[in-house]
Amino acid sequence: MSPSNYSATLAGWAAQSEIAENVHFGNNVRWLIYNNEGKAAREKLIGKGWEFEGDKYRGSGVAIKPLNLWLELNEEFTLPLEKWGVEEEEEVTLSSSEEEVISYTLTADGKGVRIQGRKVGACKLTATIAAKAGGA
């Protein structure tokens, strides 16, 4: 789930006229990221006894989803790219841990990353905005 979607979900729950009490997510929210909108909502829910384990607050950043993806040789796929807490025109830089495994480029609208499997192997694709980083 993207940071914007998770944050909007938290905000929706917190906006209910009657908020359920003592909801426990355990580590089912591990690795989810919430932004400023989600932070205020999450605090309200915690006040009602809700428990979250492993989700993380990031006031700004960039994320590529999904975190794991399997591509066949020459298969192409476009991954959504989400920026939050930064100016829309902030430049995104991409890098790969193994340059020959995939090719990649930002989509024309800057809201996605077009990737293609170039050879068998694994790699990590990272998107960076200044000192803020996110990966897939």
N, C-alpha and C. Protein backbone atom coordinates (compact mmCIF):
# COMPACT_ATOMS: atom_id res chain seq x y z
N MET A 1 0.86 -1.17 0.00
CA MET A 1 0.00 0.00 0.00
C MET A 1 0.90 1.23 0.00
N SER A 2 0.56 2.20 -0.80
CA SER A 2 1.38 3.40 -0.91
C SER A 2 1.24 4.27 0.35
N PRO A 3 2.22 5.14 0.61
CA PRO A 3 2.11 6.04 1.76
C PRO A 3 0.85 6.90 1.73
N SER A 4 0.47 7.40 0.56
CA SER A 4 -0.74 8.22 0.47
C SER A 4 -1.99 7.41 0.78
N ASN A 5 -2.06 6.18 0.26
CA ASN A 5 -3.23 5.35 0.53
C ASN A 5 -3.31 4.94 2.01
N TYR A 6 -2.19 4.57 2.59
CA TYR A 6 -2.19 4.20 4.02
C TYR A 6 -2.60 5.40 4.87
N SER A 7 -2.05 6.57 4.56
CA SER A 7 -2.38 7.77 5.32
C SER A 7 -3.85 8.14 5.17
N ALA A 8 -4.38 8.02 3.96
CA ALA A 8 -5.81 8.31 3.74
C ALA A 8 -6.69 7.30 4.48
N THR A 9 -6.25 6.05 4.55
CA THR A 9 -7.00 5.04 5.30
C THR A 9 -7.03 5.38 6.78
N LEU A 10 -5.89 5.75 7.34
CA LEU A 10 -5.84 6.16 8.75
C LEU A 10 -6.75 7.36 8.99
N ALA A 11 -6.69 8.33 8.08
CA ALA A 11 -7.52 9.54 8.22
C ALA A 11 -9.00 9.19 8.15
N GLY A 12 -9.36 8.27 7.27
CA GLY A 12 -10.76 7.85 7.16
C GLY A 12 -11.26 7.19 8.43
N TRP A 13 -10.44 6.33 9.00
CA TRP A 13 -10.83 5.69 10.26
C TRP A 13 -10.97 6.72 11.38
N ALA A 14 -10.01 7.64 11.45
CA ALA A 14 -10.02 8.65 12.52
C ALA A 14 -11.18 9.64 12.37
N ALA A 15 -11.70 9.80 11.16
CA ALA A 15 -12.79 10.76 10.92
C ALA A 15 -14.17 10.20 11.23
N GLN A 16 -14.24 8.91 11.55
CA GLN A 16 -15.54 8.32 11.85
C GLN A 16 -16.13 8.95 13.11
N SER A 17 -17.45 9.07 13.12
CA SER A 17 -18.10 9.68 14.29
C SER A 17 -17.98 8.78 15.52
N GLU A 18 -17.98 7.49 15.31
CA GLU A 18 -17.79 6.55 16.42
C GLU A 18 -16.60 5.65 16.08
N ILE A 19 -15.48 5.92 16.70
CA ILE A 19 -14.26 5.16 16.43
C ILE A 19 -14.22 3.94 17.34
N ALA A 20 -14.01 2.77 16.73
CA ALA A 20 -13.86 1.55 17.51
C ALA A 20 -12.68 1.69 18.46
N GLU A 21 -12.75 1.02 19.59
CA GLU A 21 -11.66 1.10 20.56
C GLU A 21 -10.87 -0.21 20.57
N ASN A 22 -9.59 -0.07 20.97
CA ASN A 22 -8.70 -1.21 21.20
C ASN A 22 -8.56 -2.12 19.98
N VAL A 23 -8.26 -1.53 18.84
CA VAL A 23 -8.00 -2.29 17.61
C VAL A 23 -6.49 -2.56 17.57
N HIS A 24 -6.11 -3.82 17.36
CA HIS A 24 -4.69 -4.20 17.38
C HIS A 24 -4.30 -4.77 16.02
N PHE A 25 -3.36 -4.10 15.36
CA PHE A 25 -2.88 -4.57 14.06
C PHE A 25 -1.65 -5.45 14.19
N GLY A 26 -1.01 -5.44 15.36
CA GLY A 26 0.23 -6.19 15.49
C GLY A 26 1.22 -5.71 14.44
N ASN A 27 1.97 -6.65 13.88
CA ASN A 27 2.95 -6.25 12.88
C ASN A 27 2.38 -6.35 11.46
N ASN A 28 1.07 -6.43 11.31
CA ASN A 28 0.45 -6.48 9.99
C ASN A 28 0.64 -5.18 9.21
N VAL A 29 1.04 -4.11 9.88
CA VAL A 29 1.29 -2.84 9.19
C VAL A 29 2.79 -2.58 9.03
N ARG A 30 3.59 -3.60 9.37
CA ARG A 30 5.04 -3.45 9.24
C ARG A 30 5.38 -3.06 7.81
N TRP A 31 6.30 -2.15 7.66
CA TRP A 31 6.81 -1.64 6.39
C TRP A 31 5.91 -0.60 5.75
N LEU A 32 4.70 -0.36 6.29
CA LEU A 32 3.87 0.69 5.71
C LEU A 32 4.38 2.04 6.18
N ILE A 33 4.24 3.03 5.32
CA ILE A 33 4.71 4.38 5.61
C ILE A 33 3.51 5.32 5.62
N TYR A 34 3.48 6.21 6.62
CA TYR A 34 2.43 7.22 6.66
C TYR A 34 3.07 8.61 6.63
N ASN A 35 2.34 9.56 6.04
CA ASN A 35 2.82 10.94 5.90
C ASN A 35 2.18 11.84 6.96
N ASN A 36 2.25 13.15 6.77
CA ASN A 36 1.71 14.09 7.77
C ASN A 36 0.22 13.89 8.00
N GLU A 37 -0.53 13.63 6.94
CA GLU A 37 -1.97 13.38 7.09
C GLU A 37 -2.21 12.15 7.98
N GLY A 38 -1.46 11.11 7.74
CA GLY A 38 -1.61 9.88 8.51
C GLY A 38 -1.13 10.02 9.94
N LYS A 39 -0.14 10.89 10.16
CA LYS A 39 0.43 11.04 11.51
C LYS A 39 -0.63 11.53 12.51
N ALA A 40 -1.35 12.58 12.14
CA ALA A 40 -2.37 13.13 13.04
C ALA A 40 -3.49 12.11 13.27
N ALA A 41 -3.90 11.43 12.20
CA ALA A 41 -4.96 10.43 12.33
C ALA A 41 -4.52 9.26 13.20
N ARG A 42 -3.29 8.81 13.00
CA ARG A 42 -2.76 7.68 13.76
C ARG A 42 -2.72 8.02 15.26
N GLU A 43 -2.29 9.24 15.58
CA GLU A 43 -2.25 9.66 16.99
C GLU A 43 -3.64 9.64 17.62
N LYS A 44 -4.65 10.08 16.85
CA LYS A 44 -6.03 10.05 17.35
C LYS A 44 -6.47 8.61 17.61
N LEU A 45 -6.14 7.71 16.70
CA LEU A 45 -6.52 6.31 16.85
C LEU A 45 -5.80 5.66 18.03
N ILE A 46 -4.54 5.98 18.23
CA ILE A 46 -3.80 5.45 19.38
C ILE A 46 -4.46 5.90 20.68
N GLY A 47 -4.99 7.12 20.68
CA GLY A 47 -5.73 7.62 21.83
C GLY A 47 -6.97 6.80 22.15
N LYS A 48 -7.46 6.06 21.16
CA LYS A 48 -8.62 5.19 21.35
C LYS A 48 -8.19 3.74 21.61
N GLY A 49 -6.91 3.54 21.86
CA GLY A 49 -6.42 2.21 22.19
C GLY A 49 -5.93 1.38 21.00
N TRP A 50 -5.83 2.00 19.83
CA TRP A 50 -5.35 1.27 18.66
C TRP A 50 -3.85 1.04 18.80
N GLU A 51 -3.37 -0.09 18.30
CA GLU A 51 -1.95 -0.42 18.35
C GLU A 51 -1.43 -0.74 16.96
N PHE A 52 -0.32 -0.12 16.62
CA PHE A 52 0.35 -0.31 15.34
C PHE A 52 1.80 -0.70 15.63
N GLU A 53 2.30 -1.72 14.95
CA GLU A 53 3.69 -2.14 15.15
C GLU A 53 4.41 -2.17 13.81
N GLY A 54 5.46 -1.38 13.69
CA GLY A 54 6.34 -1.47 12.54
C GLY A 54 6.06 -0.52 11.41
N ASP A 55 4.96 0.24 11.45
CA ASP A 55 4.77 1.24 10.41
C ASP A 55 5.67 2.43 10.71
N LYS A 56 5.97 3.21 9.69
CA LYS A 56 6.96 4.28 9.87
C LYS A 56 6.42 5.61 9.34
N TYR A 57 6.78 6.68 10.05
CA TYR A 57 6.42 8.03 9.63
C TYR A 57 7.53 8.61 8.75
N ARG A 58 7.14 9.19 7.63
CA ARG A 58 8.04 9.93 6.77
C ARG A 58 7.28 11.18 6.31
N GLY A 59 7.74 12.34 6.75
CA GLY A 59 7.08 13.59 6.38
C GLY A 59 7.24 13.92 4.91
N SER A 60 8.30 13.40 4.30
CA SER A 60 8.52 13.60 2.87
C SER A 60 9.32 12.43 2.33
N GLY A 61 9.19 12.20 1.05
CA GLY A 61 9.95 11.12 0.45
C GLY A 61 9.45 10.73 -0.92
N VAL A 62 9.96 9.60 -1.37
CA VAL A 62 9.60 9.03 -2.66
C VAL A 62 9.53 7.52 -2.48
N ALA A 63 8.56 6.89 -3.13
CA ALA A 63 8.40 5.44 -3.01
C ALA A 63 8.08 4.84 -4.37
N ILE A 64 8.62 3.65 -4.61
CA ILE A 64 8.30 2.85 -5.78
C ILE A 64 7.59 1.61 -5.27
N LYS A 65 6.45 1.28 -5.85
CA LYS A 65 5.70 0.09 -5.45
C LYS A 65 5.46 -0.77 -6.67
N PRO A 66 5.43 -2.08 -6.55
CA PRO A 66 5.57 -2.88 -5.34
C PRO A 66 7.03 -2.99 -4.92
N LEU A 67 7.23 -3.47 -3.71
CA LEU A 67 8.58 -3.62 -3.21
C LEU A 67 9.31 -4.77 -3.88
N ASN A 68 8.61 -5.81 -4.26
CA ASN A 68 9.21 -6.96 -4.93
C ASN A 68 8.47 -7.23 -6.23
N LEU A 69 9.22 -7.49 -7.28
CA LEU A 69 8.64 -7.74 -8.58
C LEU A 69 9.54 -8.71 -9.33
N TRP A 70 8.94 -9.68 -9.99
CA TRP A 70 9.68 -10.65 -10.81
C TRP A 70 9.40 -10.35 -12.27
N LEU A 71 10.45 -10.18 -13.07
CA LEU A 71 10.31 -9.94 -14.50
C LEU A 71 10.96 -11.07 -15.29
N GLU A 72 10.35 -11.43 -16.39
CA GLU A 72 10.96 -12.35 -17.35
C GLU A 72 11.93 -11.55 -18.22
N LEU A 73 12.81 -12.24 -18.88
CA LEU A 73 13.75 -11.60 -19.80
C LEU A 73 12.97 -10.81 -20.85
N ASN A 74 13.30 -9.55 -21.02
CA ASN A 74 12.68 -8.60 -21.95
C ASN A 74 11.26 -8.17 -21.58
N GLU A 75 10.71 -8.66 -20.48
CA GLU A 75 9.39 -8.22 -20.04
C GLU A 75 9.49 -6.78 -19.55
N GLU A 76 8.48 -5.98 -19.87
CA GLU A 76 8.43 -4.58 -19.45
C GLU A 76 7.28 -4.37 -18.48
N PHE A 77 7.48 -3.42 -17.57
CA PHE A 77 6.47 -3.13 -16.56
C PHE A 77 6.65 -1.68 -16.13
N THR A 78 5.55 -1.00 -15.81
CA THR A 78 5.63 0.36 -15.27
C THR A 78 5.23 0.32 -13.80
N LEU A 79 6.14 0.76 -12.95
CA LEU A 79 5.89 0.83 -11.51
C LEU A 79 5.44 2.23 -11.15
N PRO A 80 4.41 2.36 -10.30
CA PRO A 80 4.02 3.70 -9.85
C PRO A 80 5.10 4.31 -8.94
N LEU A 81 5.32 5.58 -9.10
CA LEU A 81 6.26 6.33 -8.28
C LEU A 81 5.48 7.43 -7.56
N GLU A 82 5.60 7.48 -6.25
CA GLU A 82 4.85 8.45 -5.45
C GLU A 82 5.81 9.35 -4.70
N LYS A 83 5.56 10.66 -4.79
CA LYS A 83 6.32 11.65 -4.02
C LYS A 83 5.35 12.32 -3.05
N TRP A 84 5.82 12.63 -1.85
CA TRP A 84 4.99 13.35 -0.89
C TRP A 84 5.88 14.25 -0.04
N GLY A 85 5.31 15.37 0.37
CA GLY A 85 6.02 16.30 1.24
C GLY A 85 7.14 17.06 0.54
N VAL A 86 7.16 17.03 -0.79
CA VAL A 86 8.16 17.76 -1.58
C VAL A 86 7.43 18.45 -2.73
N GLU A 87 8.10 19.39 -3.35
CA GLU A 87 7.51 20.06 -4.51
C GLU A 87 7.37 19.07 -5.66
N GLU A 88 6.30 19.21 -6.42
CA GLU A 88 6.03 18.28 -7.52
C GLU A 88 7.17 18.25 -8.54
N GLU A 89 7.83 19.40 -8.73
CA GLU A 89 8.90 19.46 -9.72
C GLU A 89 10.26 18.97 -9.21
N GLU A 90 10.32 18.54 -7.94
CA GLU A 90 11.58 17.99 -7.42
C GLU A 90 12.04 16.83 -8.30
N GLU A 91 13.31 16.85 -8.67
CA GLU A 91 13.84 15.82 -9.56
C GLU A 91 14.08 14.50 -8.83
N VAL A 92 13.67 13.43 -9.49
CA VAL A 92 13.88 12.08 -8.96
C VAL A 92 15.06 11.47 -9.70
N THR A 93 15.98 10.88 -8.95
CA THR A 93 17.12 10.16 -9.51
C THR A 93 16.93 8.68 -9.25
N LEU A 94 17.17 7.85 -10.26
CA LEU A 94 17.05 6.41 -10.13
C LEU A 94 18.43 5.76 -10.19
N SER A 95 18.59 4.68 -9.43
CA SER A 95 19.83 3.90 -9.51
C SER A 95 19.50 2.44 -9.25
N SER A 96 20.32 1.56 -9.79
CA SER A 96 20.13 0.13 -9.64
C SER A 96 21.39 -0.48 -9.05
N SER A 97 21.20 -1.46 -8.17
CA SER A 97 22.35 -2.12 -7.55
C SER A 97 23.10 -3.00 -8.56
N GLU A 98 22.42 -3.42 -9.60
CA GLU A 98 23.01 -4.25 -10.66
C GLU A 98 22.56 -3.68 -12.00
N GLU A 99 23.36 -2.83 -12.60
CA GLU A 99 22.96 -2.08 -13.79
C GLU A 99 22.57 -2.96 -14.98
N GLU A 100 23.10 -4.14 -15.12
CA GLU A 100 22.82 -4.95 -16.31
C GLU A 100 21.57 -5.82 -16.18
N VAL A 101 20.98 -5.92 -14.99
CA VAL A 101 19.83 -6.80 -14.79
C VAL A 101 18.55 -6.18 -15.34
N ILE A 102 18.37 -4.89 -15.17
CA ILE A 102 17.19 -4.19 -15.68
C ILE A 102 17.61 -2.90 -16.36
N SER A 103 16.77 -2.44 -17.27
CA SER A 103 16.88 -1.07 -17.76
C SER A 103 15.71 -0.32 -17.14
N TYR A 104 15.85 0.99 -16.96
CA TYR A 104 14.81 1.75 -16.29
C TYR A 104 14.85 3.20 -16.73
N THR A 105 13.67 3.83 -16.72
CA THR A 105 13.57 5.25 -17.03
C THR A 105 12.28 5.78 -16.40
N LEU A 106 12.28 7.05 -16.05
CA LEU A 106 11.06 7.69 -15.54
C LEU A 106 10.08 7.86 -16.68
N THR A 107 8.79 7.73 -16.40
CA THR A 107 7.77 8.00 -17.39
C THR A 107 7.73 9.50 -17.66
N ALA A 108 7.16 9.89 -18.79
CA ALA A 108 7.12 11.30 -19.19
C ALA A 108 6.45 12.18 -18.14
N ASP A 109 5.42 11.67 -17.46
CA ASP A 109 4.73 12.47 -16.45
C ASP A 109 5.42 12.45 -15.09
N GLY A 110 6.50 11.65 -14.96
CA GLY A 110 7.25 11.58 -13.70
C GLY A 110 6.54 10.81 -12.60
N LYS A 111 5.46 10.12 -12.91
CA LYS A 111 4.70 9.41 -11.88
C LYS A 111 4.87 7.90 -11.96
N GLY A 112 5.86 7.47 -12.73
CA GLY A 112 6.11 6.04 -12.86
C GLY A 112 7.53 5.77 -13.29
N VAL A 113 7.93 4.51 -13.18
CA VAL A 113 9.24 4.06 -13.62
C VAL A 113 9.01 2.88 -14.56
N ARG A 114 9.46 3.03 -15.80
CA ARG A 114 9.34 1.96 -16.79
C ARG A 114 10.58 1.09 -16.68
N ILE A 115 10.39 -0.21 -16.40
CA ILE A 115 11.53 -1.11 -16.26
C ILE A 115 11.40 -2.25 -17.26
N GLN A 116 12.56 -2.85 -17.60
CA GLN A 116 12.59 -3.99 -18.48
C GLN A 116 13.65 -4.97 -17.98
N GLY A 117 13.28 -6.26 -17.93
CA GLY A 117 14.23 -7.30 -17.55
C GLY A 117 15.25 -7.49 -18.66
N ARG A 118 16.55 -7.34 -18.35
CA ARG A 118 17.60 -7.44 -19.36
C ARG A 118 18.39 -8.73 -19.27
N LYS A 119 18.50 -9.30 -18.07
CA LYS A 119 19.17 -10.59 -17.91
C LYS A 119 18.71 -11.20 -16.59
N VAL A 120 18.96 -12.48 -16.43
CA VAL A 120 18.56 -13.18 -15.21
C VAL A 120 19.38 -12.65 -14.04
N GLY A 121 18.72 -12.37 -12.93
CA GLY A 121 19.41 -11.88 -11.75
C GLY A 121 18.46 -11.08 -10.87
N ALA A 122 19.00 -10.56 -9.81
CA ALA A 122 18.23 -9.75 -8.87
C ALA A 122 18.93 -8.41 -8.71
N CYS A 123 18.14 -7.39 -8.43
CA CYS A 123 18.72 -6.07 -8.18
C CYS A 123 17.75 -5.26 -7.33
N LYS A 124 18.25 -4.17 -6.83
CA LYS A 124 17.44 -3.22 -6.06
C LYS A 124 17.42 -1.91 -6.82
N LEU A 125 16.22 -1.43 -7.11
CA LEU A 125 16.03 -0.15 -7.78
C LEU A 125 15.71 0.88 -6.71
N THR A 126 16.43 1.98 -6.71
CA THR A 126 16.25 3.02 -5.70
C THR A 126 15.90 4.35 -6.36
N ALA A 127 14.91 5.03 -5.80
CA ALA A 127 14.54 6.38 -6.23
C ALA A 127 14.95 7.34 -5.12
N THR A 128 15.55 8.47 -5.52
CA THR A 128 16.04 9.44 -4.55
C THR A 128 15.60 10.84 -4.93
N ILE A 129 15.21 11.63 -3.94
CA ILE A 129 14.98 13.06 -4.10
C ILE A 129 15.89 13.71 -3.06
N ALA A 130 16.88 14.45 -3.52
CA ALA A 130 17.85 15.08 -2.62
C ALA A 130 18.32 14.05 -1.60
N ALA A 131 18.07 14.30 -0.29
CA ALA A 131 18.52 13.39 0.75
C ALA A 131 17.42 12.41 1.17
N LYS A 132 16.34 12.35 0.42
CA LYS A 132 15.22 11.47 0.76
C LYS A 132 15.25 10.29 -0.20
N ALA A 133 15.17 9.07 0.29
CA ALA A 133 15.25 7.91 -0.58
C ALA A 133 14.13 6.93 -0.33
N GLY A 134 13.77 6.20 -1.37
CA GLY A 134 12.80 5.11 -1.29
C GLY A 134 13.19 4.05 -2.27
N GLY A 135 12.79 2.82 -2.06
CA GLY A 135 13.23 1.76 -2.96
C GLY A 135 12.15 0.78 -3.29
N ALA A 136 12.49 -0.11 -4.18
CA ALA A 136 11.59 -1.20 -4.56
C ALA A 136 12.32 -2.50 -4.40
